[in-house]
């Protein structure tokens, strides 16, 4: 089977309805099922006001992310790619699109709580760790920040 072309990856803001539902399904699969994050904390009050992004490859939902206003910075989170689509650049593409929308909204800085296991992924995107590691949802994390152009 031929690998999908990178040109068939589309990332857009997920409006309420089927696109947002697809984001929540991806998050459930990745965080609740794979990583055992309690469903009660995976979905939160920020979901309603967040900007959600959905990645589709060949029409199929394969990844998501969201960002929220956190004071004078944007906080990116809930970045997830389904297992079968990992290693294809989808996570990086989602992050680039998230950073574009954050900058378009006028933010000069973005932060995120990176799982320690994914710290190098975010560092490669220009995020810098700040402060000590901490536990969130039972998983070690580190606060990371990126200044936007």
C-alpha atoms as a PDB file:
ATOM      1  CA  UNK A   1       0.000   0.000   0.000  1.00  0.00           C
ATOM      2  CA  UNK A   2       1.312   3.452  -0.897  1.00  0.00           C
ATOM      3  CA  UNK A   3       1.720   5.968   1.924  1.00  0.00           C
ATOM      4  CA  UNK A   4      -0.733   8.875   1.785  1.00  0.00           C
ATOM      5  CA  UNK A   5       0.552  12.049   0.203  1.00  0.00           C
ATOM      6  CA  UNK A   6       1.325  14.940   2.560  1.00  0.00           C
ATOM      7  CA  UNK A   7      -0.884  16.982   0.243  1.00  0.00           C
ATOM      8  CA  UNK A   8      -3.999  15.162   1.415  1.00  0.00           C
ATOM      9  CA  UNK A   9      -3.621  16.486   4.980  1.00  0.00           C
ATOM     10  CA  UNK A  10      -6.055  19.294   5.791  1.00  0.00           C
ATOM     11  CA  UNK A  11      -6.182  21.149   9.094  1.00  0.00           C
ATOM     12  CA  UNK A  12      -8.953  23.571   9.869  1.00  0.00           C
ATOM     13  CA  UNK A  13     -10.734  25.167  12.780  1.00  0.00           C
ATOM     14  CA  UNK A  14     -13.321  22.684  14.024  1.00  0.00           C
ATOM     15  CA  UNK A  15     -16.734  24.257  14.321  1.00  0.00           C
ATOM     16  CA  UNK A  16     -19.335  22.839  16.743  1.00  0.00           C
ATOM     17  CA  UNK A  17     -20.957  19.725  15.313  1.00  0.00           C
ATOM     18  CA  UNK A  18     -19.312  16.846  13.455  1.00  0.00           C
ATOM     19  CA  UNK A  19     -15.802  18.377  13.337  1.00  0.00           C
ATOM     20  CA  UNK A  20     -15.738  19.149  17.059  1.00  0.00           C
ATOM     21  CA  UNK A  21     -17.205  15.699  17.784  1.00  0.00           C
ATOM     22  CA  UNK A  22     -14.324  14.187  15.793  1.00  0.00           C
ATOM     23  CA  UNK A  23     -11.833  16.127  17.951  1.00  0.00           C
ATOM     24  CA  UNK A  24     -13.438  14.786  21.115  1.00  0.00           C
ATOM     25  CA  UNK A  25     -13.394  11.227  19.744  1.00  0.00           C
ATOM     26  CA  UNK A  26      -9.664  11.512  18.970  1.00  0.00           C
ATOM     27  CA  UNK A  27      -8.984  12.869  22.460  1.00  0.00           C
ATOM     28  CA  UNK A  28     -10.963  10.022  23.996  1.00  0.00           C
ATOM     29  CA  UNK A  29      -9.004   7.449  21.991  1.00  0.00           C
ATOM     30  CA  UNK A  30      -5.582   8.950  22.745  1.00  0.00           C
ATOM     31  CA  UNK A  31      -5.905  10.327  26.258  1.00  0.00           C
ATOM     32  CA  UNK A  32      -8.710   8.371  27.936  1.00  0.00           C
ATOM     33  CA  UNK A  33      -8.188   4.943  26.338  1.00  0.00           C
ATOM     34  CA  UNK A  34      -4.442   4.869  25.592  1.00  0.00           C
ATOM     35  CA  UNK A  35      -3.124   7.019  28.447  1.00  0.00           C
ATOM     36  CA  UNK A  36      -5.798   6.289  31.082  1.00  0.00           C
ATOM     37  CA  UNK A  37      -6.625   9.946  31.705  1.00  0.00           C
ATOM     38  CA  UNK A  38      -9.953  10.053  33.554  1.00  0.00           C
ATOM     39  CA  UNK A  39     -12.696  11.161  31.173  1.00  0.00           C
ATOM     40  CA  UNK A  40     -13.989  13.532  33.855  1.00  0.00           C
ATOM     41  CA  UNK A  41     -10.823  15.646  33.571  1.00  0.00           C
ATOM     42  CA  UNK A  42     -10.134  15.213  29.854  1.00  0.00           C
ATOM     43  CA  UNK A  43     -13.173  17.270  28.908  1.00  0.00           C
ATOM     44  CA  UNK A  44     -13.396  20.554  30.770  1.00  0.00           C
ATOM     45  CA  UNK A  45     -15.083  23.941  30.894  1.00  0.00           C
ATOM     46  CA  UNK A  46     -12.471  25.372  28.504  1.00  0.00           C
ATOM     47  CA  UNK A  47     -13.717  23.203  25.626  1.00  0.00           C
ATOM     48  CA  UNK A  48     -16.673  25.504  25.017  1.00  0.00           C
ATOM     49  CA  UNK A  49     -14.543  28.656  24.476  1.00  0.00           C
ATOM     50  CA  UNK A  50     -11.456  26.991  22.975  1.00  0.00           C
ATOM     51  CA  UNK A  51     -10.384  27.185  19.358  1.00  0.00           C
ATOM     52  CA  UNK A  52     -10.291  23.547  18.235  1.00  0.00           C
ATOM     53  CA  UNK A  53      -8.306  22.345  15.237  1.00  0.00           C
ATOM     54  CA  UNK A  54      -9.006  19.127  13.355  1.00  0.00           C
ATOM     55  CA  UNK A  55      -6.584  17.351  11.040  1.00  0.00           C
ATOM     56  CA  UNK A  56      -7.975  15.078   8.334  1.00  0.00           C
ATOM     57  CA  UNK A  57      -5.938  12.851   6.065  1.00  0.00           C
ATOM     58  CA  UNK A  58      -7.754  11.458   3.040  1.00  0.00           C
ATOM     59  CA  UNK A  59     -10.939  12.760   4.680  1.00  0.00           C
ATOM     60  CA  UNK A  60     -10.419  10.756   7.873  1.00  0.00           C
ATOM     61  CA  UNK A  61     -10.001  12.552  11.241  1.00  0.00           C
ATOM     62  CA  UNK A  62      -6.456  11.826  12.435  1.00  0.00           C
ATOM     63  CA  UNK A  63      -5.481  14.579  14.858  1.00  0.00           C
ATOM     64  CA  UNK A  64      -6.626  17.517  16.917  1.00  0.00           C
ATOM     65  CA  UNK A  65      -5.458  20.357  19.120  1.00  0.00           C
ATOM     66  CA  UNK A  66      -7.015  23.269  20.933  1.00  0.00           C
ATOM     67  CA  UNK A  67      -5.961  26.602  22.333  1.00  0.00           C
ATOM     68  CA  UNK A  68      -7.448  28.937  24.890  1.00  0.00           C
ATOM     69  CA  UNK A  69      -6.776  32.463  26.097  1.00  0.00           C
ATOM     70  CA  UNK A  70      -4.756  32.251  29.311  1.00  0.00           C
ATOM     71  CA  UNK A  71      -4.298  35.838  30.444  1.00  0.00           C
ATOM     72  CA  UNK A  72      -2.130  37.534  27.823  1.00  0.00           C
ATOM     73  CA  UNK A  73      -0.883  34.281  26.280  1.00  0.00           C
ATOM     74  CA  UNK A  74      -2.482  31.442  24.342  1.00  0.00           C
ATOM     75  CA  UNK A  75      -2.327  28.021  25.952  1.00  0.00           C
ATOM     76  CA  UNK A  76      -2.173  25.186  23.445  1.00  0.00           C
ATOM     77  CA  UNK A  77      -3.266  21.768  24.589  1.00  0.00           C
ATOM     78  CA  UNK A  78      -5.040  18.508  23.893  1.00  0.00           C
ATOM     79  CA  UNK A  79      -2.696  17.864  20.959  1.00  0.00           C
ATOM     80  CA  UNK A  80      -3.389  14.307  19.826  1.00  0.00           C
ATOM     81  CA  UNK A  81      -2.807  12.111  16.790  1.00  0.00           C
ATOM     82  CA  UNK A  82      -4.429   8.695  16.432  1.00  0.00           C
ATOM     83  CA  UNK A  83      -2.031   5.783  16.747  1.00  0.00           C
ATOM     84  CA  UNK A  84      -2.098   4.612  13.118  1.00  0.00           C
ATOM     85  CA  UNK A  85      -1.270   8.121  11.851  1.00  0.00           C
ATOM     86  CA  UNK A  86       1.682   8.892  14.126  1.00  0.00           C
ATOM     87  CA  UNK A  87       5.122   9.471  12.692  1.00  0.00           C
ATOM     88  CA  UNK A  88       3.764  11.168   9.555  1.00  0.00           C
ATOM     89  CA  UNK A  89       4.279  14.814  10.566  1.00  0.00           C
ATOM     90  CA  UNK A  90       0.659  15.373  11.545  1.00  0.00           C
ATOM     91  CA  UNK A  91       1.480  16.548  15.070  1.00  0.00           C
ATOM     92  CA  UNK A  92       3.982  19.104  13.764  1.00  0.00           C
ATOM     93  CA  UNK A  93       1.513  20.292  11.120  1.00  0.00           C
ATOM     94  CA  UNK A  94      -1.182  20.681  13.789  1.00  0.00           C
ATOM     95  CA  UNK A  95       1.201  22.697  15.963  1.00  0.00           C
ATOM     96  CA  UNK A  96       2.214  24.963  13.052  1.00  0.00           C
ATOM     97  CA  UNK A  97      -1.444  25.628  12.265  1.00  0.00           C
ATOM     98  CA  UNK A  98      -2.256  26.211  15.945  1.00  0.00           C
ATOM     99  CA  UNK A  99       0.599  28.720  16.197  1.00  0.00           C
ATOM    100  CA  UNK A 100      -0.640  30.471  13.039  1.00  0.00           C
ATOM    101  CA  UNK A 101      -4.132  30.880  14.476  1.00  0.00           C
ATOM    102  CA  UNK A 102      -2.714  32.019  17.815  1.00  0.00           C
ATOM    103  CA  UNK A 103      -0.605  34.686  16.073  1.00  0.00           C
ATOM    104  CA  UNK A 104      -3.565  35.733  13.880  1.00  0.00           C
ATOM    105  CA  UNK A 105      -5.530  36.282  17.105  1.00  0.00           C
ATOM    106  CA  UNK A 106      -2.860  38.743  18.227  1.00  0.00           C
ATOM    107  CA  UNK A 107      -0.958  36.720  20.805  1.00  0.00           C
ATOM    108  CA  UNK A 108       2.819  37.192  21.133  1.00  0.00           C
ATOM    109  CA  UNK A 109       3.425  34.103  23.284  1.00  0.00           C
ATOM    110  CA  UNK A 110       2.114  30.558  23.450  1.00  0.00           C
ATOM    111  CA  UNK A 111       2.474  28.137  26.328  1.00  0.00           C
ATOM    112  CA  UNK A 112       1.671  24.484  26.792  1.00  0.00           C
ATOM    113  CA  UNK A 113       1.950  21.746  29.362  1.00  0.00           C
ATOM    114  CA  UNK A 114       4.041  19.151  27.545  1.00  0.00           C
ATOM    115  CA  UNK A 115       4.124  15.564  28.656  1.00  0.00           C
ATOM    116  CA  UNK A 116       7.770  14.975  29.573  1.00  0.00           C
ATOM    117  CA  UNK A 117       7.892  12.155  27.009  1.00  0.00           C
ATOM    118  CA  UNK A 118       7.022  14.673  24.246  1.00  0.00           C
ATOM    119  CA  UNK A 119       9.268  17.500  25.444  1.00  0.00           C
ATOM    120  CA  UNK A 120      11.754  17.106  22.566  1.00  0.00           C
ATOM    121  CA  UNK A 121       8.913  17.253  20.011  1.00  0.00           C
ATOM    122  CA  UNK A 122       7.876  20.687  21.304  1.00  0.00           C
ATOM    123  CA  UNK A 123      11.492  21.832  21.711  1.00  0.00           C
ATOM    124  CA  UNK A 124      12.030  21.095  18.010  1.00  0.00           C
ATOM    125  CA  UNK A 125       9.139  23.502  17.322  1.00  0.00           C
ATOM    126  CA  UNK A 126      10.861  26.265  19.286  1.00  0.00           C
ATOM    127  CA  UNK A 127       9.244  25.826  22.700  1.00  0.00           C
ATOM    128  CA  UNK A 128      11.488  26.297  25.743  1.00  0.00           C
ATOM    129  CA  UNK A 129      10.904  24.555  29.078  1.00  0.00           C
ATOM    130  CA  UNK A 130      10.259  26.735  32.128  1.00  0.00           C
ATOM    131  CA  UNK A 131      10.292  25.592  35.725  1.00  0.00           C
ATOM    132  CA  UNK A 132      10.208  22.162  37.315  1.00  0.00           C
ATOM    133  CA  UNK A 133       8.342  19.106  36.141  1.00  0.00           C
ATOM    134  CA  UNK A 134       4.868  18.563  37.611  1.00  0.00           C
ATOM    135  CA  UNK A 135       2.203  15.870  37.463  1.00  0.00           C
ATOM    136  CA  UNK A 136      -1.035  16.493  35.588  1.00  0.00           C
ATOM    137  CA  UNK A 137      -3.634  13.737  35.095  1.00  0.00           C
ATOM    138  CA  UNK A 138      -1.098  11.302  36.590  1.00  0.00           C
ATOM    139  CA  UNK A 139       1.468  12.072  33.853  1.00  0.00           C
ATOM    140  CA  UNK A 140       4.735  14.054  34.299  1.00  0.00           C
ATOM    141  CA  UNK A 141       4.595  17.402  32.443  1.00  0.00           C
ATOM    142  CA  UNK A 142       6.683  20.516  31.991  1.00  0.00           C
ATOM    143  CA  UNK A 143       5.572  24.061  31.180  1.00  0.00           C
ATOM    144  CA  UNK A 144       6.956  25.238  27.825  1.00  0.00           C
ATOM    145  CA  UNK A 145       6.766  28.655  26.137  1.00  0.00           C
ATOM    146  CA  UNK A 146       7.352  30.026  22.664  1.00  0.00           C
ATOM    147  CA  UNK A 147       7.592  33.669  21.604  1.00  0.00           C
ATOM    148  CA  UNK A 148       5.766  34.295  18.370  1.00  0.00           C
ATOM    149  CA  UNK A 149       7.107  36.513  15.576  1.00  0.00           C
END
